[in-house]
């Protein structure tokens, strides 16, 4: 009788059986499955070249080792596969706990998802399979075609769904940038990282949280409210800041048009401050000044209308205001360098709320005029603007900004 050794590829009785430790065969199939999942994930990470290279290497090693382990089982090959699988599993743990800092695209922590969990589990199976095979190496077993088929089927049942999941891998999971309340904004919502949060508003909140990513610098696109919002291209703006700014625009574009008709606004309590001569007429609603809501297009503190050239007025922007008593030092960070708050500390108003002049040299208003609120405010334009979607007005309409800041005019996204 012919003796079958562990290093033999096929049994002496023909090619219907494979002489390899069953545990090693299981490890080989698990490695092939894990490699297939990693191969499926390559395209999803196409924007990060280093991640693509890493996934390509991992997939090649896992698939290649699995095939070789089935065809040419040996102690040296088994140990090499165990070491590789252990290293890959350790890399997965590192990526999920602290990120792999030297691999762009894997340098930020993401939560465990189906695809990577399945691949990691298979890598662990490969390590344990090799370990078991090494313990029983001197007692090889011939594996029949039916046993191989079952092993392959089980691997496929796990691998195929994971491959499909890898093709739709969500880089944003766990640190989505979209605010809950802007989900209804359709194509305008961007959900790339830790989101704005609810803040005190039922609209697009601005309270950032979690870790900070820096946005990739790409050629900026002019702001066009009729197209998907993209405020990229500004160095120093994080992905979270960009997403918060984009989401605030998105919810404003969606909800602010309910005030398109000035008569509807007036019926809700809005009143003009009489500054139409400037070309931009502000309507304010005193009831919304201290109602606990901020950045909420359903309850905007002020609306901006422009003449439409036909004797009417066209809604152009919201001017959101913080609660009275808030200072510029207390405003939330919406979009970093993309956004800028301002105040008006030199305007005088009539008792019925109309702008009637400027303060004197000592900062007071001549009776019976009174100073208006000095709460910080910010514009969000729903029409293209030369200085971008958060532009302040020119001249006295521009107000005053925080000390040390330069007047924002975002020409990169200006129309």
Protein backbone atom coordinates (compact mmCIF):
# COMPACT_ATOMS: atom_id res chain seq x y z
CA UNK A 1 0.00 0.00 0.00
CA UNK A 2 1.24 3.46 -0.85
CA UNK A 3 1.92 5.71 2.11
CA UNK A 4 0.28 9.14 1.89
CA UNK A 5 2.34 11.95 3.36
CA UNK A 6 1.28 15.47 4.28
CA UNK A 7 3.47 16.94 1.55
CA UNK A 8 1.83 14.97 -1.22
CA UNK A 9 -0.49 16.88 -3.49
CA UNK A 10 -2.72 14.00 -4.54
CA UNK A 11 -3.16 10.48 -3.23
CA UNK A 12 -1.60 7.54 -5.04
CA UNK A 13 -5.09 6.28 -5.84
CA UNK A 14 -5.81 9.03 -8.31
CA UNK A 15 -6.82 12.69 -8.41
CA UNK A 16 -10.18 12.40 -6.67
CA UNK A 17 -8.76 13.10 -3.23
CA UNK A 18 -6.43 15.74 -1.87
CA UNK A 19 -3.90 14.76 0.76
CA UNK A 20 -3.89 17.70 3.10
CA UNK A 21 -4.81 18.20 6.72
CA UNK A 22 -8.53 19.10 6.91
CA UNK A 23 -7.80 22.02 9.20
CA UNK A 24 -5.29 23.37 6.69
CA UNK A 25 -7.85 23.05 3.91
CA UNK A 26 -10.36 25.02 5.96
CA UNK A 27 -7.69 27.65 6.62
CA UNK A 28 -6.92 27.83 2.90
CA UNK A 29 -10.56 28.33 1.91
CA UNK A 30 -11.01 30.94 4.63
CA UNK A 31 -7.96 32.82 3.36
CA UNK A 32 -9.27 32.73 -0.22
CA UNK A 33 -12.63 34.05 0.94
CA UNK A 34 -11.05 36.87 2.94
CA UNK A 35 -8.90 37.78 -0.05
CA UNK A 36 -11.97 37.93 -2.31
CA UNK A 37 -13.67 40.34 0.12
CA UNK A 38 -10.60 42.56 0.21
CA UNK A 39 -10.46 42.49 -3.60
CA UNK A 40 -14.09 43.62 -3.75
CA UNK A 41 -13.26 46.55 -1.47
CA UNK A 42 -10.49 47.90 -3.71
CA UNK A 43 -12.76 49.92 -5.98
CA UNK A 44 -14.66 51.50 -3.10
CA UNK A 45 -11.39 52.98 -1.80
CA UNK A 46 -10.33 54.20 -5.23
CA UNK A 47 -9.92 57.79 -4.05
CA UNK A 48 -7.11 56.70 -1.71
CA UNK A 49 -4.18 55.23 -3.64
CA UNK A 50 -2.41 53.93 -0.55
CA UNK A 51 -5.51 52.07 0.59
CA UNK A 52 -5.91 50.57 -2.90
CA UNK A 53 -2.33 49.31 -2.82
CA UNK A 54 -2.80 47.90 0.68
CA UNK A 55 -6.00 46.05 -0.23
CA UNK A 56 -4.44 44.74 -3.44
CA UNK A 57 -1.47 43.32 -1.56
CA UNK A 58 -3.65 41.78 1.14
CA UNK A 59 -6.05 40.23 -1.40
CA UNK A 60 -3.16 38.81 -3.46
CA UNK A 61 -1.45 37.32 -0.41
CA UNK A 62 -4.62 35.75 0.99
CA UNK A 63 -5.87 34.28 -2.27
CA UNK A 64 -2.41 33.22 -3.41
CA UNK A 65 -1.58 31.52 -0.12
CA UNK A 66 -4.92 29.73 0.01
CA UNK A 67 -4.43 28.22 -3.45
CA UNK A 68 -0.83 27.21 -2.74
CA UNK A 69 -1.78 25.69 0.62
CA UNK A 70 -4.27 23.40 -1.12
CA UNK A 71 -1.93 22.46 -3.95
CA UNK A 72 1.42 22.22 -2.17
CA UNK A 73 0.85 21.81 1.59
CA UNK A 74 4.02 22.12 3.61
CA UNK A 75 5.01 23.21 7.07
CA UNK A 76 6.89 26.26 5.82
CA UNK A 77 4.00 27.41 3.66
CA UNK A 78 1.52 26.83 6.48
CA UNK A 79 3.57 28.88 8.93
CA UNK A 80 3.96 31.68 6.39
CA UNK A 81 0.20 31.76 5.87
CA UNK A 82 -0.48 31.82 9.60
CA UNK A 83 1.92 34.72 10.07
CA UNK A 84 0.37 36.66 7.18
CA UNK A 85 -3.18 36.06 8.39
CA UNK A 86 -2.25 37.06 11.94
CA UNK A 87 -0.65 40.27 10.67
CA UNK A 88 -3.71 41.06 8.56
CA UNK A 89 -6.01 40.45 11.52
CA UNK A 90 -3.85 42.69 13.70
CA UNK A 91 -4.01 45.38 11.01
CA UNK A 92 -7.80 45.16 11.03
CA UNK A 93 -7.90 45.58 14.81
CA UNK A 94 -5.58 48.59 14.54
CA UNK A 95 -7.72 50.15 11.78
CA UNK A 96 -10.87 49.78 13.86
CA UNK A 97 -9.41 51.08 17.11
CA UNK A 98 -7.02 53.88 16.18
CA UNK A 99 -6.63 53.91 12.39
CA UNK A 100 -3.50 53.08 10.40
CA UNK A 101 -1.78 56.45 10.27
CA UNK A 102 0.63 55.58 7.46
CA UNK A 103 -2.06 54.37 5.03
CA UNK A 104 -4.21 57.14 3.59
CA UNK A 105 -7.81 56.01 3.51
CA UNK A 106 -7.34 53.78 6.55
CA UNK A 107 -6.03 56.48 8.84
CA UNK A 108 -9.44 57.30 10.34
CA UNK A 109 -11.36 54.98 12.65
CA UNK A 110 -14.49 53.49 11.12
CA UNK A 111 -16.99 51.17 12.82
CA UNK A 112 -17.07 47.45 12.11
CA UNK A 113 -19.17 46.59 9.08
CA UNK A 114 -20.22 43.27 7.55
CA UNK A 115 -17.50 43.05 4.92
CA UNK A 116 -14.49 43.83 7.09
CA UNK A 117 -15.86 41.75 9.98
CA UNK A 118 -16.25 38.71 7.72
CA UNK A 119 -12.77 39.17 6.25
CA UNK A 120 -11.24 39.53 9.72
CA UNK A 121 -13.09 36.45 10.99
CA UNK A 122 -11.82 34.43 8.03
CA UNK A 123 -8.26 35.59 8.68
CA UNK A 124 -8.65 34.41 12.28
CA UNK A 125 -10.01 31.07 11.04
CA UNK A 126 -6.95 30.74 8.81
CA UNK A 127 -4.65 31.24 11.81
CA UNK A 128 -6.49 28.70 13.96
CA UNK A 129 -6.75 26.27 11.07
CA UNK A 130 -3.02 26.32 10.46
CA UNK A 131 -2.35 25.97 14.21
CA UNK A 132 -4.61 22.92 14.37
CA UNK A 133 -3.03 21.42 11.28
CA UNK A 134 0.45 21.87 12.74
CA UNK A 135 -0.55 19.95 15.87
CA UNK A 136 -1.76 17.01 13.76
CA UNK A 137 0.70 17.40 10.91
CA UNK A 138 2.08 13.86 11.22
CA UNK A 139 -1.41 12.43 10.80
CA UNK A 140 -2.58 13.72 7.39
CA UNK A 141 -5.97 12.83 6.05
CA UNK A 142 -7.12 12.50 2.46
CA UNK A 143 -9.99 14.87 1.82
CA UNK A 144 -12.60 13.70 -0.65
CA UNK A 145 -14.23 15.89 -3.28
CA UNK A 146 -17.48 16.07 -1.29
CA UNK A 147 -15.69 17.43 1.76
CA UNK A 148 -13.90 19.97 -0.38
CA UNK A 149 -17.20 20.96 -1.93
CA UNK A 150 -18.81 21.53 1.47
CA UNK A 151 -15.86 23.66 2.58
CA UNK A 152 -16.02 25.70 -0.61
CA UNK A 153 -19.81 26.13 -0.30
CA UNK A 154 -19.60 27.37 3.29
CA UNK A 155 -16.86 29.79 2.29
CA UNK A 156 -18.95 31.06 -0.60
CA UNK A 157 -22.04 31.52 1.56
CA UNK A 158 -20.04 33.81 3.82
CA UNK A 159 -17.89 35.48 1.19
CA UNK A 160 -20.45 36.43 -1.45
CA UNK A 161 -22.71 38.56 0.82
CA UNK A 162 -19.62 40.16 2.33
CA UNK A 163 -18.28 40.98 -1.15
CA UNK A 164 -21.58 42.61 -2.04
CA UNK A 165 -21.44 44.57 1.21
CA UNK A 166 -17.84 45.60 0.49
CA UNK A 167 -18.96 47.07 -2.82
CA UNK A 168 -21.24 49.46 -0.95
CA UNK A 169 -18.92 50.11 1.98
CA UNK A 170 -19.85 53.32 3.78
CA UNK A 171 -16.82 55.41 4.72
CA UNK A 172 -19.16 57.71 6.64
CA UNK A 173 -20.66 55.14 8.95
CA UNK A 174 -20.25 56.15 12.54
CA UNK A 175 -19.08 59.64 11.74
CA UNK A 176 -21.70 60.82 9.30
CA UNK A 177 -21.57 64.55 8.64
CA UNK A 178 -25.25 64.89 7.87
CA UNK A 179 -27.57 66.43 10.40
CA UNK A 180 -30.60 64.36 11.27
CA UNK A 181 -32.98 67.11 10.31
CA UNK A 182 -31.61 67.61 6.81
CA UNK A 183 -32.26 64.06 5.68
CA UNK A 184 -35.28 65.30 3.78
CA UNK A 185 -33.15 67.61 1.70
CA UNK A 186 -32.68 64.91 -0.93
CA UNK A 187 -29.72 65.30 -3.23
CA UNK A 188 -28.45 68.32 -1.32
CA UNK A 189 -27.56 66.37 1.82
CA UNK A 190 -23.92 65.44 2.30
CA UNK A 191 -23.16 62.83 4.94
CA UNK A 192 -19.44 62.35 4.99
CA UNK A 193 -18.41 62.58 8.69
CA UNK A 194 -19.24 63.46 12.31
CA UNK A 195 -22.30 65.53 11.96
CA UNK A 196 -23.61 68.86 13.05
CA UNK A 197 -25.85 67.56 15.78
CA UNK A 198 -29.15 69.05 16.71
CA UNK A 199 -27.95 72.13 18.57
CA UNK A 200 -30.85 74.21 19.86
CA UNK A 201 -32.49 74.19 16.49
CA UNK A 202 -34.94 71.94 14.78
CA UNK A 203 -33.12 72.82 11.58
CA UNK A 204 -29.52 72.09 10.61
CA UNK A 205 -27.59 72.02 13.88
CA UNK A 206 -24.01 73.15 14.09
CA UNK A 207 -22.54 71.58 17.21
CA UNK A 208 -19.59 69.57 15.88
CA UNK A 209 -18.38 66.44 17.60
CA UNK A 210 -16.05 63.50 17.32
CA UNK A 211 -12.75 63.41 15.54
CA UNK A 212 -11.77 65.96 12.91
CA UNK A 213 -10.84 65.17 9.33
CA UNK A 214 -9.31 67.63 6.95
CA UNK A 215 -11.16 68.08 3.70
CA UNK A 216 -9.29 67.19 0.56
CA UNK A 217 -8.32 70.24 -1.42
CA UNK A 218 -10.06 70.00 -4.78
CA UNK A 219 -10.79 72.65 -7.39
CA UNK A 220 -13.68 74.71 -5.93
CA UNK A 221 -16.98 74.92 -7.71
CA UNK A 222 -19.14 78.07 -7.84
CA UNK A 223 -22.16 77.86 -5.56
CA UNK A 224 -25.25 77.08 -7.64
CA UNK A 225 -28.42 76.35 -5.62
CA UNK A 226 -29.82 74.30 -8.51
CA UNK A 227 -26.95 71.82 -8.39
CA UNK A 228 -25.51 69.49 -5.71
CA UNK A 229 -23.77 71.53 -3.05
CA UNK A 230 -19.98 71.32 -3.02
CA UNK A 231 -18.02 73.75 -0.86
CA UNK A 232 -14.72 71.89 -1.21
CA UNK A 233 -11.47 73.48 -2.27
CA UNK A 234 -10.79 75.73 0.72
CA UNK A 235 -7.54 74.81 2.54
CA UNK A 236 -7.85 74.56 6.30
CA UNK A 237 -11.54 73.61 6.28
CA UNK A 238 -12.20 70.23 7.87
CA UNK A 239 -14.63 67.73 6.39
CA UNK A 240 -16.91 68.30 9.36
CA UNK A 241 -16.92 72.07 8.85
CA UNK A 242 -17.57 71.63 5.14
CA UNK A 243 -20.41 69.21 5.82
CA UNK A 244 -22.01 71.45 8.45
CA UNK A 245 -21.92 74.39 6.04
CA UNK A 246 -23.31 72.31 3.18
CA UNK A 247 -26.07 70.86 5.34
CA UNK A 248 -27.11 74.30 6.60
CA UNK A 249 -27.43 75.42 2.99
CA UNK A 250 -29.32 72.24 2.13
CA UNK A 251 -31.99 72.64 4.80
CA UNK A 252 -32.29 76.36 4.03
CA UNK A 253 -32.78 75.67 0.32
CA UNK A 254 -35.42 73.11 1.21
CA UNK A 255 -37.42 75.04 3.81
CA UNK A 256 -36.90 78.77 3.30
CA UNK A 257 -39.01 79.04 0.11
CA UNK A 258 -42.13 78.80 2.28
CA UNK A 259 -41.50 82.55 2.87
CA UNK A 260 -41.16 83.42 -0.82
CA UNK A 261 -44.31 85.54 -0.72
CA UNK A 262 -43.77 88.61 1.54
CA UNK A 263 -47.48 88.57 2.41
CA UNK A 264 -47.11 85.07 3.86
CA UNK A 265 -44.15 86.30 5.90
CA UNK A 266 -46.07 89.33 7.11
CA UNK A 267 -48.97 87.13 8.18
CA UNK A 268 -46.51 85.16 10.32
CA UNK A 269 -45.25 88.30 12.05
CA UNK A 270 -42.38 89.47 9.83
CA UNK A 271 -41.97 93.21 9.33
CA UNK A 272 -39.72 95.14 6.97
CA UNK A 273 -37.05 97.32 8.57
CA UNK A 274 -37.36 99.73 5.66
CA UNK A 275 -33.95 99.25 4.06
CA UNK A 276 -35.18 98.46 0.53
CA UNK A 277 -33.25 101.47 -0.77
CA UNK A 278 -30.04 99.43 -0.34
CA UNK A 279 -31.30 96.81 -2.81
CA UNK A 280 -31.73 94.20 -0.08
CA UNK A 281 -34.76 94.49 2.16
CA UNK A 282 -34.72 92.76 5.54
CA UNK A 283 -37.85 91.50 7.24
CA UNK A 284 -37.52 90.59 10.92
CA UNK A 285 -39.71 88.60 13.26
CA UNK A 286 -39.24 89.66 16.87
CA UNK A 287 -41.05 86.56 18.10
CA UNK A 288 -38.23 84.41 16.73
CA UNK A 289 -35.40 86.40 18.33
CA UNK A 290 -35.29 84.44 21.58
CA UNK A 291 -37.39 81.35 20.92
CA UNK A 292 -34.68 78.78 21.63
CA UNK A 293 -34.15 77.99 17.96
CA UNK A 294 -31.08 78.86 15.88
CA UNK A 295 -30.27 78.26 12.23
CA UNK A 296 -33.84 77.12 11.64
CA UNK A 297 -35.37 78.09 8.26
CA UNK A 298 -38.82 77.30 9.65
CA UNK A 299 -38.27 80.07 12.22
CA UNK A 300 -35.74 82.48 10.69
CA UNK A 301 -35.13 85.65 12.63
CA UNK A 302 -34.80 87.64 9.41
CA UNK A 303 -35.55 87.26 5.71
CA UNK A 304 -33.82 89.07 2.86
CA UNK A 305 -35.78 90.06 -0.23
CA UNK A 306 -34.51 91.60 -3.46
CA UNK A 307 -36.51 93.54 -6.10
CA UNK A 308 -37.46 91.14 -8.87
CA UNK A 309 -37.57 93.85 -11.57
CA UNK A 310 -41.30 93.47 -11.96
CA UNK A 311 -42.47 95.50 -9.01
CA UNK A 312 -42.30 92.56 -6.63
CA UNK A 313 -39.79 91.09 -4.21
CA UNK A 314 -37.78 87.91 -4.58
CA UNK A 315 -36.67 85.90 -1.55
CA UNK A 316 -32.87 85.76 -1.61
CA UNK A 317 -31.58 84.70 1.80
CA UNK A 318 -32.17 83.99 5.43
CA UNK A 319 -30.34 86.01 8.04
CA UNK A 320 -30.12 83.76 11.07
CA UNK A 321 -29.49 85.47 14.40
CA UNK A 322 -28.32 84.24 17.77
CA UNK A 323 -30.32 85.03 20.90
CA UNK A 324 -30.03 88.59 22.25
CA UNK A 325 -27.04 88.93 24.55
CA UNK A 326 -24.89 86.45 22.62
CA UNK A 327 -21.46 87.72 21.58
CA UNK A 328 -19.28 86.94 18.59
CA UNK A 329 -17.08 84.90 20.90
CA UNK A 330 -20.00 82.57 21.62
CA UNK A 331 -21.20 81.73 18.10
CA UNK A 332 -21.06 78.10 16.96
CA UNK A 333 -18.51 77.07 14.36
CA UNK A 334 -20.54 76.22 11.29
CA UNK A 335 -18.04 76.07 8.48
CA UNK A 336 -14.71 77.40 9.66
CA UNK A 337 -13.24 79.63 6.97
CA UNK A 338 -16.37 79.13 4.85
CA UNK A 339 -18.63 81.11 7.18
CA UNK A 340 -18.51 84.35 9.13
CA UNK A 341 -20.80 85.89 11.73
CA UNK A 342 -21.27 89.64 12.08
CA UNK A 343 -23.11 92.13 14.27
CA UNK A 344 -24.64 95.59 13.76
CA UNK A 345 -23.62 97.90 16.58
CA UNK A 346 -23.99 101.23 14.76
CA UNK A 347 -27.58 101.23 13.50
CA UNK A 348 -30.40 103.29 14.95
CA UNK A 349 -34.04 102.30 14.59
CA UNK A 350 -37.39 103.98 15.01
CA UNK A 351 -39.67 102.64 17.71
CA UNK A 352 -41.57 100.68 15.06
CA UNK A 353 -38.42 98.88 13.88
CA UNK A 354 -37.28 100.84 10.81
CA UNK A 355 -33.65 101.70 10.17
CA UNK A 356 -33.32 105.47 10.50
CA UNK A 357 -29.62 106.26 10.83
CA UNK A 358 -26.29 105.55 12.46
CA UNK A 359 -25.05 105.96 16.00
CA UNK A 360 -23.14 109.05 17.05
CA UNK A 361 -19.44 109.11 17.87
CA UNK A 362 -20.11 107.87 21.38
CA UNK A 363 -22.15 104.93 20.09
CA UNK A 364 -25.60 106.22 21.03
CA UNK A 365 -28.72 107.04 19.05
CA UNK A 366 -30.43 110.41 19.19
CA UNK A 367 -33.86 110.18 20.80
CA UNK A 368 -36.37 108.94 19.93
CA UNK A 369 -34.22 106.49 17.92
CA UNK A 370 -32.98 103.35 19.62
CA UNK A 371 -30.21 100.86 18.96
CA UNK A 372 -31.22 97.52 17.59
CA UNK A 373 -30.14 94.10 18.82
CA UNK A 374 -26.43 93.39 18.55
CA UNK A 375 -26.86 89.63 18.41
CA UNK A 376 -24.51 87.87 15.96
CA UNK A 377 -26.06 87.00 12.62
CA UNK A 378 -25.16 85.17 9.43
CA UNK A 379 -26.65 85.12 5.93
CA UNK A 380 -27.44 81.96 4.01
CA UNK A 381 -28.20 82.76 0.39
CA UNK A 382 -30.56 80.62 -1.65
CA UNK A 383 -29.55 82.53 -4.77
CA UNK A 384 -26.05 82.76 -6.27
CA UNK A 385 -23.93 85.49 -4.73
CA UNK A 386 -20.53 86.87 -5.85
CA UNK A 387 -19.11 86.27 -2.36
CA UNK A 388 -20.53 82.81 -1.87
CA UNK A 389 -23.49 81.35 0.01
CA UNK A 390 -22.63 82.96 3.38
CA UNK A 391 -21.77 86.45 2.16
CA UNK A 392 -22.55 89.50 4.28
CA UNK A 393 -23.82 92.66 2.62
CA UNK A 394 -21.62 95.53 1.55
CA UNK A 395 -21.28 98.91 3.28
CA UNK A 396 -23.22 99.49 6.48
CA UNK A 397 -25.22 96.38 5.64
CA UNK A 398 -22.09 94.33 6.16
CA UNK A 399 -21.98 95.02 9.88
CA UNK A 400 -18.98 94.42 12.10
CA UNK A 401 -16.96 91.22 12.38
CA UNK A 402 -14.83 89.79 15.18
CA UNK A 403 -11.52 91.51 15.91
CA UNK A 404 -8.66 90.12 13.89
CA UNK A 405 -10.85 88.69 11.13
CA UNK A 406 -10.84 89.79 7.51
CA UNK A 407 -14.12 90.38 5.73
CA UNK A 408 -15.23 87.12 4.17
CA UNK A 409 -15.81 87.08 0.43
CA UNK A 410 -15.75 83.49 -0.73
CA UNK A 411 -14.96 84.12 -4.38
CA UNK A 412 -13.98 80.46 -4.74
CA UNK A 413 -17.68 79.60 -4.47
CA UNK A 414 -19.01 82.93 -5.64
CA UNK A 415 -21.28 83.23 -8.64
